[in-house]
């Protein structure tokens, strides 16, 4: 699975609508409203790199109110939550 972190700048008065429309895209697992240099961060998960073109410029960037986006593709995942679940196998 390929994970892309998409940082979205949106029209200030359309942030809730942009977030809702982005969250409706099947390949988007989460959308966060954040502080800082961007308004929203979307987590996109696809099986093949080629699918990113359909999801990000093809759908996310075409949502009314999206001004721009910046995409970062994850090389690997490091999560304390993953480690905790792995070490707790069989502990129930």
PDB file of N, CA and C in Angstrom:
ATOM      1  N   UNK A   1       0.838  -1.173   0.000  1.00  0.00           N
ATOM      2  CA  UNK A   1       0.000   0.000   0.000  1.00  0.00           C
ATOM      3  C   UNK A   1       0.893   1.250   0.000  1.00  0.00           C
ATOM      4  N   UNK A   2       0.567   2.200  -0.832  1.00  0.00           N
ATOM      5  CA  UNK A   2       1.315   3.454  -0.932  1.00  0.00           C
ATOM      6  C   UNK A   2       0.541   4.529  -0.193  1.00  0.00           C
ATOM      7  N   UNK A   3       1.243   5.245   0.679  1.00  0.00           N
ATOM      8  CA  UNK A   3       0.617   6.323   1.441  1.00  0.00           C
ATOM      9  C   UNK A   3       1.175   7.653   0.980  1.00  0.00           C
ATOM     10  N   UNK A   4       0.264   8.583   0.675  1.00  0.00           N
ATOM     11  CA  UNK A   4       0.658   9.943   0.325  1.00  0.00           C
ATOM     12  C   UNK A   4       0.018  10.889   1.335  1.00  0.00           C
ATOM     13  N   UNK A   5       0.808  11.838   1.799  1.00  0.00           N
ATOM     14  CA  UNK A   5       0.328  12.870   2.707  1.00  0.00           C
ATOM     15  C   UNK A   5       0.136  14.117   1.856  1.00  0.00           C
ATOM     16  N   UNK A   6      -1.111  14.569   1.747  1.00  0.00           N
ATOM     17  CA  UNK A   6      -1.437  15.690   0.865  1.00  0.00           C
ATOM     18  C   UNK A   6      -1.786  16.897   1.720  1.00  0.00           C
ATOM     19  N   UNK A   7      -0.975  17.946   1.600  1.00  0.00           N
ATOM     20  CA  UNK A   7      -1.215  19.185   2.329  1.00  0.00           C
ATOM     21  C   UNK A   7      -1.984  20.135   1.417  1.00  0.00           C
ATOM     22  N   UNK A   8      -3.133  20.567   1.884  1.00  0.00           N
ATOM     23  CA  UNK A   8      -4.062  21.323   1.047  1.00  0.00           C
ATOM     24  C   UNK A   8      -4.255  22.736   1.579  1.00  0.00           C
ATOM     25  N   UNK A   9      -4.107  23.716   0.688  1.00  0.00           N
ATOM     26  CA  UNK A   9      -4.486  25.095   0.999  1.00  0.00           C
ATOM     27  C   UNK A   9      -5.847  25.323   0.363  1.00  0.00           C
ATOM     28  N   UNK A  10      -6.773  25.860   1.148  1.00  0.00           N
ATOM     29  CA  UNK A  10      -8.140  26.055   0.678  1.00  0.00           C
ATOM     30  C   UNK A  10      -8.586  27.490   0.919  1.00  0.00           C
ATOM     31  N   UNK A  11      -9.621  27.893   0.186  1.00  0.00           N
ATOM     32  CA  UNK A  11     -10.244  29.181   0.471  1.00  0.00           C
ATOM     33  C   UNK A  11     -10.750  29.133   1.904  1.00  0.00           C
ATOM     34  N   UNK A  12     -10.437  30.160   2.678  1.00  0.00           N
ATOM     35  CA  UNK A  12     -10.731  30.169   4.113  1.00  0.00           C
ATOM     36  C   UNK A  12     -12.205  29.900   4.417  1.00  0.00           C
ATOM     37  N   UNK A  13     -13.086  30.423   3.599  1.00  0.00           N
ATOM     38  CA  UNK A  13     -14.515  30.245   3.868  1.00  0.00           C
ATOM     39  C   UNK A  13     -15.062  28.924   3.349  1.00  0.00           C
ATOM     40  N   UNK A  14     -14.214  28.111   2.739  1.00  0.00           N
ATOM     41  CA  UNK A  14     -14.670  26.822   2.187  1.00  0.00           C
ATOM     42  C   UNK A  14     -13.960  25.617   2.823  1.00  0.00           C
ATOM     43  N   UNK A  15     -13.177  25.854   3.865  1.00  0.00           N
ATOM     44  CA  UNK A  15     -12.417  24.759   4.482  1.00  0.00           C
ATOM     45  C   UNK A  15     -13.316  23.591   4.897  1.00  0.00           C
ATOM     46  N   UNK A  16     -14.435  23.810   5.583  1.00  0.00           N
ATOM     47  CA  UNK A  16     -15.266  22.652   5.962  1.00  0.00           C
ATOM     48  C   UNK A  16     -15.802  21.877   4.758  1.00  0.00           C
ATOM     49  N   UNK A  17     -16.197  22.585   3.707  1.00  0.00           N
ATOM     50  CA  UNK A  17     -16.712  21.914   2.513  1.00  0.00           C
ATOM     51  C   UNK A  17     -15.619  21.153   1.781  1.00  0.00           C
ATOM     52  N   UNK A  18     -14.429  21.742   1.711  1.00  0.00           N
ATOM     53  CA  UNK A  18     -13.292  21.069   1.073  1.00  0.00           C
ATOM     54  C   UNK A  18     -12.931  19.810   1.862  1.00  0.00           C
ATOM     55  N   UNK A  19     -12.909  19.912   3.186  1.00  0.00           N
ATOM     56  CA  UNK A  19     -12.593  18.751   4.028  1.00  0.00           C
ATOM     57  C   UNK A  19     -13.617  17.637   3.816  1.00  0.00           C
ATOM     58  N   UNK A  20     -14.897  17.992   3.800  1.00  0.00           N
ATOM     59  CA  UNK A  20     -15.949  16.987   3.626  1.00  0.00           C
ATOM     60  C   UNK A  20     -15.867  16.324   2.252  1.00  0.00           C
ATOM     61  N   UNK A  21     -15.651  17.119   1.202  1.00  0.00           N
ATOM     62  CA  UNK A  21     -15.563  16.573  -0.153  1.00  0.00           C
ATOM     63  C   UNK A  21     -14.327  15.684  -0.295  1.00  0.00           C
ATOM     64  N   UNK A  22     -13.229  16.080   0.315  1.00  0.00           N
ATOM     65  CA  UNK A  22     -11.999  15.285   0.265  1.00  0.00           C
ATOM     66  C   UNK A  22     -12.200  13.958   0.980  1.00  0.00           C
ATOM     67  N   UNK A  23     -12.851  13.991   2.137  1.00  0.00           N
ATOM     68  CA  UNK A  23     -13.086  12.773   2.919  1.00  0.00           C
ATOM     69  C   UNK A  23     -13.997  11.787   2.195  1.00  0.00           C
ATOM     70  N   UNK A  24     -14.791  12.259   1.257  1.00  0.00           N
ATOM     71  CA  UNK A  24     -15.689  11.386   0.498  1.00  0.00           C
ATOM     72  C   UNK A  24     -14.961  10.563  -0.571  1.00  0.00           C
ATOM     73  N   UNK A  25     -13.738  10.910  -0.887  1.00  0.00           N
ATOM     74  CA  UNK A  25     -12.957  10.178  -1.891  1.00  0.00           C
ATOM     75  C   UNK A  25     -12.516   8.847  -1.279  1.00  0.00           C
ATOM     76  N   UNK A  26     -12.810   7.754  -1.954  1.00  0.00           N
ATOM     77  CA  UNK A  26     -12.546   6.417  -1.415  1.00  0.00           C
ATOM     78  C   UNK A  26     -11.104   6.210  -0.957  1.00  0.00           C
ATOM     79  N   UNK A  27     -10.154   6.719  -1.697  1.00  0.00           N
ATOM     80  CA  UNK A  27      -8.736   6.491  -1.381  1.00  0.00           C
ATOM     81  C   UNK A  27      -8.228   7.382  -0.252  1.00  0.00           C
ATOM     82  N   UNK A  28      -9.044   8.290   0.224  1.00  0.00           N
ATOM     83  CA  UNK A  28      -8.666   9.170   1.337  1.00  0.00           C
ATOM     84  C   UNK A  28      -9.127   8.511   2.627  1.00  0.00           C
ATOM     85  N   UNK A  29      -8.173   8.192   3.512  1.00  0.00           N
ATOM     86  CA  UNK A  29      -8.522   7.524   4.763  1.00  0.00           C
ATOM     87  C   UNK A  29      -8.832   8.507   5.880  1.00  0.00           C
ATOM     88  N   UNK A  30      -8.190   9.673   5.870  1.00  0.00           N
ATOM     89  CA  UNK A  30      -8.410  10.674   6.903  1.00  0.00           C
ATOM     90  C   UNK A  30      -8.176  12.058   6.326  1.00  0.00           C
ATOM     91  N   UNK A  31      -8.855  13.035   6.899  1.00  0.00           N
ATOM     92  CA  UNK A  31      -8.615  14.444   6.574  1.00  0.00           C
ATOM     93  C   UNK A  31      -8.536  15.187   7.897  1.00  0.00           C
ATOM     94  N   UNK A  32      -7.470  15.954   8.074  1.00  0.00           N
ATOM     95  CA  UNK A  32      -7.274  16.723   9.299  1.00  0.00           C
ATOM     96  C   UNK A  32      -7.307  18.212   8.988  1.00  0.00           C
ATOM     97  N   UNK A  33      -8.024  18.967   9.792  1.00  0.00           N
ATOM     98  CA  UNK A  33      -7.958  20.419   9.750  1.00  0.00           C
ATOM     99  C   UNK A  33      -6.821  20.798  10.690  1.00  0.00           C
ATOM    100  N   UNK A  34      -5.863  21.580  10.193  1.00  0.00           N
ATOM    101  CA  UNK A  34      -4.642  21.826  10.960  1.00  0.00           C
ATOM    102  C   UNK A  34      -4.292  23.308  11.017  1.00  0.00           C
ATOM    103  N   UNK A  35      -3.365  23.635  11.909  1.00  0.00           N
ATOM    104  CA  UNK A  35      -2.810  24.980  11.961  1.00  0.00           C
ATOM    105  C   UNK A  35      -1.520  24.992  11.157  1.00  0.00           C
ATOM    106  N   UNK A  36      -1.007  26.171  10.879  1.00  0.00           N
ATOM    107  CA  UNK A  36       0.261  26.283  10.171  1.00  0.00           C
ATOM    108  C   UNK A  36       0.083  26.776   8.757  1.00  0.00           C
ATOM    109  N   UNK A  37       0.970  26.371   7.896  1.00  0.00           N
ATOM    110  CA  UNK A  37       1.015  26.870   6.527  1.00  0.00           C
ATOM    111  C   UNK A  37      -0.014  26.285   5.584  1.00  0.00           C
ATOM    112  N   UNK A  38      -0.711  25.235   6.011  1.00  0.00           N
ATOM    113  CA  UNK A  38      -1.769  24.637   5.182  1.00  0.00           C
ATOM    114  C   UNK A  38      -3.044  24.554   6.015  1.00  0.00           C
ATOM    115  N   UNK A  39      -4.145  24.309   5.341  1.00  0.00           N
ATOM    116  CA  UNK A  39      -5.432  24.251   6.030  1.00  0.00           C
ATOM    117  C   UNK A  39      -5.877  22.834   6.364  1.00  0.00           C
ATOM    118  N   UNK A  40      -5.551  21.892   5.472  1.00  0.00           N
ATOM    119  CA  UNK A  40      -5.977  20.504   5.633  1.00  0.00           C
ATOM    120  C   UNK A  40      -4.835  19.561   5.283  1.00  0.00           C
ATOM    121  N   UNK A  41      -4.828  18.417   5.933  1.00  0.00           N
ATOM    122  CA  UNK A  41      -3.905  17.347   5.557  1.00  0.00           C
ATOM    123  C   UNK A  41      -4.746  16.103   5.314  1.00  0.00           C
ATOM    124  N   UNK A  42      -4.588  15.519   4.131  1.00  0.00           N
ATOM    125  CA  UNK A  42      -5.322  14.306   3.765  1.00  0.00           C
ATOM    126  C   UNK A  42      -4.344  13.152   3.627  1.00  0.00           C
ATOM    127  N   UNK A  43      -4.738  12.012   4.160  1.00  0.00           N
ATOM    128  CA  UNK A  43      -3.954  10.790   4.020  1.00  0.00           C
ATOM    129  C   UNK A  43      -4.587   9.981   2.884  1.00  0.00           C
ATOM    130  N   UNK A  44      -3.801   9.756   1.846  1.00  0.00           N
ATOM    131  CA  UNK A  44      -4.279   9.027   0.664  1.00  0.00           C
ATOM    132  C   UNK A  44      -3.558   7.688   0.615  1.00  0.00           C
ATOM    133  N   UNK A  45      -4.323   6.621   0.437  1.00  0.00           N
ATOM    134  CA  UNK A  45      -3.735   5.289   0.359  1.00  0.00           C
ATOM    135  C   UNK A  45      -4.202   4.609  -0.924  1.00  0.00           C
ATOM    136  N   UNK A  46      -3.223   4.194  -1.737  1.00  0.00           N
ATOM    137  CA  UNK A  46      -3.510   3.537  -3.011  1.00  0.00           C
ATOM    138  C   UNK A  46      -2.607   2.308  -3.157  1.00  0.00           C
ATOM    139  N   UNK A  47      -2.951   1.451  -4.092  1.00  0.00           N
ATOM    140  CA  UNK A  47      -2.141   0.245  -4.331  1.00  0.00           C
ATOM    141  C   UNK A  47      -0.994   0.492  -5.306  1.00  0.00           C
ATOM    142  N   UNK A  48      -1.197   1.410  -6.258  1.00  0.00           N
ATOM    143  CA  UNK A  48      -0.176   1.664  -7.270  1.00  0.00           C
ATOM    144  C   UNK A  48       0.071   3.161  -7.391  1.00  0.00           C
ATOM    145  N   UNK A  49       1.316   3.537  -7.682  1.00  0.00           N
ATOM    146  CA  UNK A  49       1.674   4.947  -7.823  1.00  0.00           C
ATOM    147  C   UNK A  49       0.806   5.660  -8.868  1.00  0.00           C
ATOM    148  N   UNK A  50       0.476   4.943  -9.927  1.00  0.00           N
ATOM    149  CA  UNK A  50      -0.306   5.552 -11.005  1.00  0.00           C
ATOM    150  C   UNK A  50      -1.666   6.058 -10.518  1.00  0.00           C
ATOM    151  N   UNK A  51      -2.204   5.453  -9.487  1.00  0.00           N
ATOM    152  CA  UNK A  51      -3.498   5.866  -8.943  1.00  0.00           C
ATOM    153  C   UNK A  51      -3.434   7.238  -8.287  1.00  0.00           C
ATOM    154  N   UNK A  52      -2.251   7.647  -7.851  1.00  0.00           N
ATOM    155  CA  UNK A  52      -2.117   8.961  -7.220  1.00  0.00           C
ATOM    156  C   UNK A  52      -2.515  10.084  -8.171  1.00  0.00           C
ATOM    157  N   UNK A  53      -2.223   9.926  -9.461  1.00  0.00           N
ATOM    158  CA  UNK A  53      -2.579  10.950 -10.444  1.00  0.00           C
ATOM    159  C   UNK A  53      -4.086  11.108 -10.555  1.00  0.00           C
ATOM    160  N   UNK A  54      -4.805  10.029 -10.433  1.00  0.00           N
ATOM    161  CA  UNK A  54      -6.261  10.104 -10.483  1.00  0.00           C
ATOM    162  C   UNK A  54      -6.811  10.777  -9.227  1.00  0.00           C
ATOM    163  N   UNK A  55      -6.260  10.423  -8.081  1.00  0.00           N
ATOM    164  CA  UNK A  55      -6.804  10.908  -6.814  1.00  0.00           C
ATOM    165  C   UNK A  55      -6.416  12.356  -6.530  1.00  0.00           C
ATOM    166  N   UNK A  56      -5.152  12.709  -6.676  1.00  0.00           N
ATOM    167  CA  UNK A  56      -4.711  14.035  -6.223  1.00  0.00           C
ATOM    168  C   UNK A  56      -5.002  15.103  -7.275  1.00  0.00           C
ATOM    169  N   UNK A  57      -4.314  15.141  -8.410  1.00  0.00           N
ATOM    170  CA  UNK A  57      -4.682  16.185  -9.368  1.00  0.00           C
ATOM    171  C   UNK A  57      -6.036  15.939 -10.029  1.00  0.00           C
ATOM    172  N   UNK A  58      -6.427  14.676 -10.133  1.00  0.00           N
ATOM    173  CA  UNK A  58      -7.667  14.337 -10.809  1.00  0.00           C
ATOM    174  C   UNK A  58      -8.925  14.614 -10.013  1.00  0.00           C
ATOM    175  N   UNK A  59      -8.839  14.506  -8.676  1.00  0.00           N
ATOM    176  CA  UNK A  59     -10.048  14.711  -7.870  1.00  0.00           C
ATOM    177  C   UNK A  59      -9.858  15.741  -6.763  1.00  0.00           C
ATOM    178  N   UNK A  60      -8.846  15.575  -5.907  1.00  0.00           N
ATOM    179  CA  UNK A  60      -8.679  16.516  -4.791  1.00  0.00           C
ATOM    180  C   UNK A  60      -8.482  17.943  -5.300  1.00  0.00           C
ATOM    181  N   UNK A  61      -7.558  18.131  -6.241  1.00  0.00           N
ATOM    182  CA  UNK A  61      -7.266  19.487  -6.713  1.00  0.00           C
ATOM    183  C   UNK A  61      -8.419  20.121  -7.484  1.00  0.00           C
ATOM    184  N   UNK A  62      -9.403  19.329  -7.883  1.00  0.00           N
ATOM    185  CA  UNK A  62     -10.553  19.854  -8.622  1.00  0.00           C
ATOM    186  C   UNK A  62     -11.735  20.200  -7.716  1.00  0.00           C
ATOM    187  N   UNK A  63     -11.597  19.966  -6.425  1.00  0.00           N
ATOM    188  CA  UNK A  63     -12.669  20.314  -5.484  1.00  0.00           C
ATOM    189  C   UNK A  63     -12.759  21.833  -5.400  1.00  0.00           C
ATOM    190  N   UNK A  64     -13.972  22.347  -5.495  1.00  0.00           N
ATOM    191  CA  UNK A  64     -14.178  23.796  -5.391  1.00  0.00           C
ATOM    192  C   UNK A  64     -13.652  24.296  -4.046  1.00  0.00           C
ATOM    193  N   UNK A  65     -12.785  25.303  -4.097  1.00  0.00           N
ATOM    194  CA  UNK A  65     -12.213  25.866  -2.884  1.00  0.00           C
ATOM    195  C   UNK A  65     -10.776  25.449  -2.629  1.00  0.00           C
ATOM    196  N   UNK A  66     -10.282  24.430  -3.335  1.00  0.00           N
ATOM    197  CA  UNK A  66      -8.869  24.032  -3.189  1.00  0.00           C
ATOM    198  C   UNK A  66      -8.023  25.022  -3.971  1.00  0.00           C
ATOM    199  N   UNK A  67      -7.091  25.677  -3.278  1.00  0.00           N
ATOM    200  CA  UNK A  67      -6.196  26.630  -3.934  1.00  0.00           C
ATOM    201  C   UNK A  67      -4.930  25.952  -4.434  1.00  0.00           C
ATOM    202  N   UNK A  68      -4.382  25.028  -3.626  1.00  0.00           N
ATOM    203  CA  UNK A  68      -3.168  24.312  -4.022  1.00  0.00           C
ATOM    204  C   UNK A  68      -2.980  23.115  -3.098  1.00  0.00           C
ATOM    205  N   UNK A  69      -2.092  22.221  -3.527  1.00  0.00           N
ATOM    206  CA  UNK A  69      -1.747  21.078  -2.679  1.00  0.00           C
ATOM    207  C   UNK A  69      -0.272  20.753  -2.848  1.00  0.00           C
ATOM    208  N   UNK A  70       0.269  20.106  -1.842  1.00  0.00           N
ATOM    209  CA  UNK A  70       1.658  19.669  -1.833  1.00  0.00           C
ATOM    210  C   UNK A  70       1.650  18.233  -1.332  1.00  0.00           C
ATOM    211  N   UNK A  71       2.205  17.315  -2.110  1.00  0.00           N
ATOM    212  CA  UNK A  71       2.109  15.894  -1.786  1.00  0.00           C
ATOM    213  C   UNK A  71       3.456  15.319  -1.385  1.00  0.00           C
ATOM    214  N   UNK A  72       3.435  14.521  -0.325  1.00  0.00           N
ATOM    215  CA  UNK A  72       4.622  13.815   0.155  1.00  0.00           C
ATOM    216  C   UNK A  72       4.282  12.330   0.174  1.00  0.00           C
ATOM    217  N   UNK A  73       5.135  11.512  -0.449  1.00  0.00           N
ATOM    218  CA  UNK A  73       4.907  10.072  -0.488  1.00  0.00           C
ATOM    219  C   UNK A  73       5.753   9.419   0.598  1.00  0.00           C
ATOM    220  N   UNK A  74       5.119   8.588   1.409  1.00  0.00           N
ATOM    221  CA  UNK A  74       5.810   7.930   2.521  1.00  0.00           C
ATOM    222  C   UNK A  74       6.654   6.765   2.006  1.00  0.00           C
ATOM    223  N   UNK A  75       7.878   6.663   2.509  1.00  0.00           N
ATOM    224  CA  UNK A  75       8.744   5.522   2.197  1.00  0.00           C
ATOM    225  C   UNK A  75       8.419   4.335   3.087  1.00  0.00           C
ATOM    226  N   UNK A  76       8.199   4.616   4.369  1.00  0.00           N
ATOM    227  CA  UNK A  76       7.870   3.563   5.325  1.00  0.00           C
ATOM    228  C   UNK A  76       7.107   4.191   6.490  1.00  0.00           C
ATOM    229  N   UNK A  77       6.470   3.333   7.271  1.00  0.00           N
ATOM    230  CA  UNK A  77       5.689   3.809   8.416  1.00  0.00           C
ATOM    231  C   UNK A  77       6.356   3.370   9.708  1.00  0.00           C
ATOM    232  N   UNK A  78       6.423   4.275  10.654  1.00  0.00           N
ATOM    233  CA  UNK A  78       6.961   3.992  11.984  1.00  0.00           C
ATOM    234  C   UNK A  78       5.925   4.504  12.972  1.00  0.00           C
ATOM    235  N   UNK A  79       5.310   3.572  13.700  1.00  0.00           N
ATOM    236  CA  UNK A  79       4.239   3.973  14.587  1.00  0.00           C
ATOM    237  C   UNK A  79       4.313   3.210  15.894  1.00  0.00           C
ATOM    238  N   UNK A  80       4.243   3.923  16.978  1.00  0.00           N
ATOM    239  CA  UNK A  80       4.212   3.293  18.287  1.00  0.00           C
ATOM    240  C   UNK A  80       2.968   2.405  18.411  1.00  0.00           C
ATOM    241  N   UNK A  81       1.871   2.833  17.799  1.00  0.00           N
ATOM    242  CA  UNK A  81       0.632   2.061  17.861  1.00  0.00           C
ATOM    243  C   UNK A  81       0.807   0.699  17.194  1.00  0.00           C
ATOM    244  N   UNK A  82       1.517   0.652  16.085  1.00  0.00           N
ATOM    245  CA  UNK A  82       1.757  -0.621  15.410  1.00  0.00           C
ATOM    246  C   UNK A  82       2.584  -1.549  16.290  1.00  0.00           C
ATOM    247  N   UNK A  83       3.599  -0.995  16.952  1.00  0.00           N
ATOM    248  CA  UNK A  83       4.453  -1.803  17.821  1.00  0.00           C
ATOM    249  C   UNK A  83       3.673  -2.335  19.005  1.00  0.00           C
ATOM    250  N   UNK A  84       2.823  -1.491  19.603  1.00  0.00           N
ATOM    251  CA  UNK A  84       2.039  -1.935  20.748  1.00  0.00           C
ATOM    252  C   UNK A  84       1.115  -3.081  20.365  1.00  0.00           C
ATOM    253  N   UNK A  85       0.482  -3.006  19.197  1.00  0.00           N
ATOM    254  CA  UNK A  85      -0.426  -4.084  18.801  1.00  0.00           C
ATOM    255  C   UNK A  85       0.360  -5.357  18.486  1.00  0.00           C
ATOM    256  N   UNK A  86       1.547  -5.233  17.914  1.00  0.00           N
ATOM    257  CA  UNK A  86       2.347  -6.416  17.604  1.00  0.00           C
ATOM    258  C   UNK A  86       2.813  -7.109  18.880  1.00  0.00           C
ATOM    259  N   UNK A  87       3.229  -6.346  19.885  1.00  0.00           N
ATOM    260  CA  UNK A  87       3.711  -6.952  21.136  1.00  0.00           C
ATOM    261  C   UNK A  87       2.577  -7.485  21.993  1.00  0.00           C
ATOM    262  N   UNK A  88       1.347  -7.056  21.730  1.00  0.00           N
ATOM    263  CA  UNK A  88       0.233  -7.525  22.551  1.00  0.00           C
ATOM    264  C   UNK A  88      -0.484  -8.735  21.957  1.00  0.00           C
ATOM    265  N   UNK A  89       0.006  -9.252  20.844  1.00  0.00           N
ATOM    266  CA  UNK A  89      -0.623 -10.433  20.246  1.00  0.00           C
ATOM    267  C   UNK A  89      -0.608 -11.587  21.224  1.00  0.00           C
ATOM    268  N   UNK A  90      -1.752 -12.223  21.411  1.00  0.00           N
ATOM    269  CA  UNK A  90      -1.842 -13.369  22.315  1.00  0.00           C
ATOM    270  C   UNK A  90      -1.901 -13.009  23.778  1.00  0.00           C
ATOM    271  N   UNK A  91      -1.973 -11.738  24.118  1.00  0.00           N
ATOM    272  CA  UNK A  91      -1.967 -11.309  25.513  1.00  0.00           C
ATOM    273  C   UNK A  91      -3.377 -11.218  26.096  1.00  0.00           C
ATOM    274  N   UNK A  92      -4.388 -11.464  25.298  1.00  0.00           N
ATOM    275  CA  UNK A  92      -5.771 -11.281  25.760  1.00  0.00           C
ATOM    276  C   UNK A  92      -6.259 -12.424  26.608  1.00  0.00           C
TER     277      UNK A  92
END
